[in-house]
PDB file of N, CA and C in Angstrom:
ATOM      1  N   VAL A   1       0.611   9.924  35.525  1.00  0.00           N
ATOM      2  CA  VAL A   1      -0.424   9.033  35.011  1.00  0.00           C
ATOM      3  C   VAL A   1      -0.918   9.525  33.649  1.00  0.00           C
ATOM      4  N   ARG A   2      -1.231  10.811  33.547  1.00  0.00           N
ATOM      5  CA  ARG A   2      -1.701  11.344  32.267  1.00  0.00           C
ATOM      6  C   ARG A   2      -0.623  11.236  31.204  1.00  0.00           C
ATOM      7  N   ASP A   3       0.627  11.485  31.622  1.00  0.00           N
ATOM      8  CA  ASP A   3       1.730  11.406  30.674  1.00  0.00           C
ATOM      9  C   ASP A   3       1.855   9.995  30.098  1.00  0.00           C
ATOM     10  N   ARG A   4       1.753   8.981  30.958  1.00  0.00           N
ATOM     11  CA  ARG A   4       1.825   7.589  30.490  1.00  0.00           C
ATOM     12  C   ARG A   4       0.646   7.261  29.569  1.00  0.00           C
ATOM     13  N   ASN A   5      -0.508   7.778  29.919  1.00  0.00           N
ATOM     14  CA  ASN A   5      -1.692   7.531  29.097  1.00  0.00           C
ATOM     15  C   ASN A   5      -1.527   8.155  27.708  1.00  0.00           C
ATOM     16  N   HIS A   6      -1.057   9.392  27.658  1.00  0.00           N
ATOM     17  CA  HIS A   6      -0.827  10.065  26.372  1.00  0.00           C
ATOM     18  C   HIS A   6       0.245   9.343  25.566  1.00  0.00           C
ATOM     19  N   ARG A   7       1.283   8.895  26.233  1.00  0.00           N
ATOM     20  CA  ARG A   7       2.347   8.168  25.528  1.00  0.00           C
ATOM     21  C   ARG A   7       1.809   6.870  24.926  1.00  0.00           C
ATOM     22  N   ALA A   8       0.986   6.158  25.675  1.00  0.00           N
ATOM     23  CA  ALA A   8       0.396   4.911  25.169  1.00  0.00           C
ATOM     24  C   ALA A   8      -0.498   5.185  23.957  1.00  0.00           C
ATOM     25  N   ILE A   9      -1.267   6.257  24.026  1.00  0.00           N
ATOM     26  CA  ILE A   9      -2.131   6.613  22.896  1.00  0.00           C
ATOM     27  C   ILE A   9      -1.282   6.975  21.682  1.00  0.00           C
ATOM     28  N   ASN A  10      -0.209   7.742  21.896  1.00  0.00           N
ATOM     29  CA  ASN A  10       0.675   8.111  20.791  1.00  0.00           C
ATOM     30  C   ASN A  10       1.337   6.889  20.171  1.00  0.00           C
ATOM     31  N   GLU A  11       1.794   5.959  21.000  1.00  0.00           N
ATOM     32  CA  GLU A  11       2.432   4.741  20.482  1.00  0.00           C
ATOM     33  C   GLU A  11       1.426   3.928  19.667  1.00  0.00           C
ATOM     34  N   SER A  12       0.206   3.816  20.170  1.00  0.00           N
ATOM     35  CA  SER A  12      -0.830   3.062  19.463  1.00  0.00           C
ATOM     36  C   SER A  12      -1.155   3.716  18.119  1.00  0.00           C
ATOM     37  N   THR A  13      -1.299   5.024  18.130  1.00  0.00           N
ATOM     38  CA  THR A  13      -1.600   5.739  16.891  1.00  0.00           C
ATOM     39  C   THR A  13      -0.459   5.599  15.894  1.00  0.00           C
ATOM     40  N   ASN A  14       0.766   5.713  16.367  1.00  0.00           N
ATOM     41  CA  ASN A  14       1.926   5.565  15.496  1.00  0.00           C
ATOM     42  C   ASN A  14       1.954   4.177  14.871  1.00  0.00           C
ATOM     43  N   PHE A  15       1.681   3.150  15.666  1.00  0.00           N
ATOM     44  CA  PHE A  15       1.672   1.781  15.159  1.00  0.00           C
ATOM     45  C   PHE A  15       0.604   1.611  14.075  1.00  0.00           C
ATOM     46  N   ARG A  16      -0.581   2.174  14.307  1.00  0.00           N
ATOM     47  CA  ARG A  16      -1.650   2.080  13.310  1.00  0.00           C
ATOM     48  C   ARG A  16      -1.282   2.799  12.022  1.00  0.00           C
ATOM     49  N   VAL A  17      -0.646   3.957  12.147  1.00  0.00           N
ATOM     50  CA  VAL A  17      -0.248   4.711  10.957  1.00  0.00           C
ATOM     51  C   VAL A  17       0.794   3.931  10.161  1.00  0.00           C
ATOM     52  N   VAL A  18       1.736   3.311  10.855  1.00  0.00           N
ATOM     53  CA  VAL A  18       2.759   2.512  10.171  1.00  0.00           C
ATOM     54  C   VAL A  18       2.110   1.332   9.451  1.00  0.00           C
ATOM     55  N   LEU A  19       1.202   0.633  10.125  1.00  0.00           N
ATOM     56  CA  LEU A  19       0.520  -0.496   9.481  1.00  0.00           C
ATOM     57  C   LEU A  19      -0.280  -0.038   8.267  1.00  0.00           C
ATOM     58  N   TRP A  20      -0.975   1.077   8.393  1.00  0.00           N
ATOM     59  CA  TRP A  20      -1.763   1.591   7.273  1.00  0.00           C
ATOM     60  C   TRP A  20      -0.858   1.983   6.108  1.00  0.00           C
ATOM     61  N   SER A  21       0.294   2.571   6.403  1.00  0.00           N
ATOM     62  CA  SER A  21       1.228   2.955   5.346  1.00  0.00           C
ATOM     63  C   SER A  21       1.760   1.730   4.618  1.00  0.00           C
ATOM     64  N   ILE A  22       2.078   0.676   5.366  1.00  0.00           N
ATOM     65  CA  ILE A  22       2.551  -0.560   4.740  1.00  0.00           C
ATOM     66  C   ILE A  22       1.451  -1.152   3.862  1.00  0.00           C
ATOM     67  N   PHE A  23       0.219  -1.148   4.351  1.00  0.00           N
ATOM     68  CA  PHE A  23      -0.908  -1.659   3.570  1.00  0.00           C
ATOM     69  C   PHE A  23      -1.090  -0.852   2.281  1.00  0.00           C
ATOM     70  N   GLU A  24      -1.041   0.475   2.387  1.00  0.00           N
ATOM     71  CA  GLU A  24      -1.195   1.321   1.203  1.00  0.00           C
ATOM     72  C   GLU A  24      -0.083   1.085   0.196  1.00  0.00           C
ATOM     73  N   ALA A  25       1.149   0.957   0.681  1.00  0.00           N
ATOM     74  CA  ALA A  25       2.271   0.709  -0.222  1.00  0.00           C
ATOM     75  C   ALA A  25       2.109  -0.629  -0.928  1.00  0.00           C
ATOM     76  N   THR A  26       1.648  -1.642  -0.200  1.00  0.00           N
ATOM     77  CA  THR A  26       1.438  -2.958  -0.802  1.00  0.00           C
ATOM     78  C   THR A  26       0.357  -2.894  -1.878  1.00  0.00           C
ATOM     79  N   VAL A  27      -0.734  -2.206  -1.590  1.00  0.00           N
ATOM     80  CA  VAL A  27      -1.811  -2.065  -2.574  1.00  0.00           C
ATOM     81  C   VAL A  27      -1.311  -1.303  -3.796  1.00  0.00           C
ATOM     82  N   LEU A  28      -0.563  -0.249  -3.582  1.00  0.00           N
ATOM     83  CA  LEU A  28      -0.050   0.554  -4.684  1.00  0.00           C
ATOM     84  C   LEU A  28       0.872  -0.260  -5.582  1.00  0.00           C
ATOM     85  N   VAL A  29       1.790  -1.021  -4.978  1.00  0.00           N
ATOM     86  CA  VAL A  29       2.723  -1.838  -5.762  1.00  0.00           C
ATOM     87  C   VAL A  29       1.969  -2.922  -6.524  1.00  0.00           C
ATOM     88  N   SER A  30       1.013  -3.572  -5.879  1.00  0.00           N
ATOM     89  CA  SER A  30       0.268  -4.635  -6.564  1.00  0.00           C
ATOM     90  C   SER A  30      -0.574  -4.074  -7.710  1.00  0.00           C
ATOM     91  N   MET A  31      -1.169  -2.905  -7.525  1.00  0.00           N
ATOM     92  CA  MET A  31      -1.937  -2.300  -8.613  1.00  0.00           C
ATOM     93  C   MET A  31      -1.028  -1.903  -9.771  1.00  0.00           C
ATOM     94  N   THR A  32       0.146  -1.386  -9.457  1.00  0.00           N
ATOM     95  CA  THR A  32       1.096  -1.018 -10.501  1.00  0.00           C
ATOM     96  C   THR A  32       1.522  -2.240 -11.296  1.00  0.00           C
ATOM     97  N   MET A  33       1.828  -3.333 -10.593  1.00  0.00           N
ATOM     98  CA  MET A  33       2.224  -4.557 -11.285  1.00  0.00           C
ATOM     99  C   MET A  33       1.074  -5.099 -12.131  1.00  0.00           C
ATOM    100  N   GLY A  34      -0.146  -5.006 -11.620  1.00  0.00           N
ATOM    101  CA  GLY A  34      -1.303  -5.443 -12.395  1.00  0.00           C
ATOM    102  C   GLY A  34      -1.491  -4.616 -13.657  1.00  0.00           C
ATOM    103  N   GLN A  35      -1.309  -3.315 -13.553  1.00  0.00           N
ATOM    104  CA  GLN A  35      -1.437  -2.456 -14.731  1.00  0.00           C
ATOM    105  C   GLN A  35      -0.346  -2.751 -15.751  1.00  0.00           C
ATOM    106  N   ILE A  36       0.874  -2.967 -15.277  1.00  0.00           N
ATOM    107  CA  ILE A  36       1.972  -3.290 -16.194  1.00  0.00           C
ATOM    108  C   ILE A  36       1.674  -4.597 -16.917  1.00  0.00           C
ATOM    109  N   PHE A  37       1.229  -5.613 -16.171  1.00  0.00           N
ATOM    110  CA  PHE A  37       0.892  -6.900 -16.777  1.00  0.00           C
ATOM    111  C   PHE A  37      -0.230  -6.738 -17.799  1.00  0.00           C
ATOM    112  N   TYR A  38      -1.264  -5.993 -17.433  1.00  0.00           N
ATOM    113  CA  TYR A  38      -2.402  -5.800 -18.331  1.00  0.00           C
ATOM    114  C   TYR A  38      -1.985  -5.067 -19.609  1.00  0.00           C
ATOM    115  N   LEU A  39      -1.232  -3.980 -19.464  1.00  0.00           N
ATOM    116  CA  LEU A  39      -0.816  -3.218 -20.646  1.00  0.00           C
ATOM    117  C   LEU A  39       0.132  -4.019 -21.522  1.00  0.00           C
ATOM    118  N   LYS A  40       1.027  -4.786 -20.895  1.00  0.00           N
ATOM    119  CA  LYS A  40       1.949  -5.625 -21.657  1.00  0.00           C
ATOM    120  C   LYS A  40       1.167  -6.643 -22.485  1.00  0.00           C
ATOM    121  N   ARG A  41       0.191  -7.289 -21.855  1.00  0.00           N
ATOM    122  CA  ARG A  41      -0.628  -8.272 -22.551  1.00  0.00           C
ATOM    123  C   ARG A  41      -1.471  -7.600 -23.634  1.00  0.00           C
ATOM    124  N   PHE A  42      -1.991  -6.423 -23.348  1.00  0.00           N
ATOM    125  CA  PHE A  42      -2.815  -5.701 -24.314  1.00  0.00           C
ATOM    126  C   PHE A  42      -2.024  -5.397 -25.580  1.00  0.00           C
ATOM    127  N   PHE A  43      -0.795  -4.896 -25.417  1.00  0.00           N
ATOM    128  CA  PHE A  43      -0.007  -4.544 -26.590  1.00  0.00           C
ATOM    129  C   PHE A  43       0.527  -5.772 -27.307  1.00  0.00           C
ATOM    130  N   GLU A  44       0.771  -6.879 -26.595  1.00  0.00           N
ATOM    131  CA  GLU A  44       1.180  -8.106 -27.270  1.00  0.00           C
ATOM    132  C   GLU A  44       0.037  -8.634 -28.127  1.00  0.00           C
ATOM    133  N   VAL A  45      -1.184  -8.561 -27.628  1.00  0.00           N
ATOM    134  CA  VAL A  45      -2.341  -9.008 -28.407  1.00  0.00           C
ATOM    135  C   VAL A  45      -2.538  -8.099 -29.610  1.00  0.00           C
ATOM    136  N   ARG A  46      -2.368  -6.815 -29.446  1.00  0.00           N
ATOM    137  CA  ARG A  46      -2.532  -5.867 -30.556  1.00  0.00           C
ATOM    138  C   ARG A  46      -1.475  -6.097 -31.635  1.00  0.00           C
ATOM    139  N   ARG A  47      -0.262  -6.493 -31.246  1.00  0.00           N
ATOM    140  CA  ARG A  47       0.820  -6.702 -32.186  1.00  0.00           C
ATOM    141  C   ARG A  47       0.536  -7.919 -33.065  1.00  0.00           C
ATOM    142  N   VAL A  48      -0.079  -8.955 -32.514  1.00  0.00           N
ATOM    143  CA  VAL A  48      -0.349 -10.182 -33.252  1.00  0.00           C
ATOM    144  C   VAL A  48      -1.407  -9.945 -34.321  1.00  0.00           C
ATOM    145  N   VAL A  49      -2.384  -9.107 -34.034  1.00  0.00           N
ATOM    146  CA  VAL A  49      -3.496  -8.894 -34.974  1.00  0.00           C
ATOM    147  C   VAL A  49      -3.071  -8.073 -36.156  1.00  0.00           C
TER     148      VAL A  49
END
């Protein structure tokens, strides 16, 4: 009984860690793309002036 309970807790924790990692990776990629877009636009505006 305890073994099954510990296994269920481990599976739940593992699932949460995987979801959190996917969320962090998504945020990181979106922030990187936003920075690239912003810097690209910034330097294009600077070039025109």
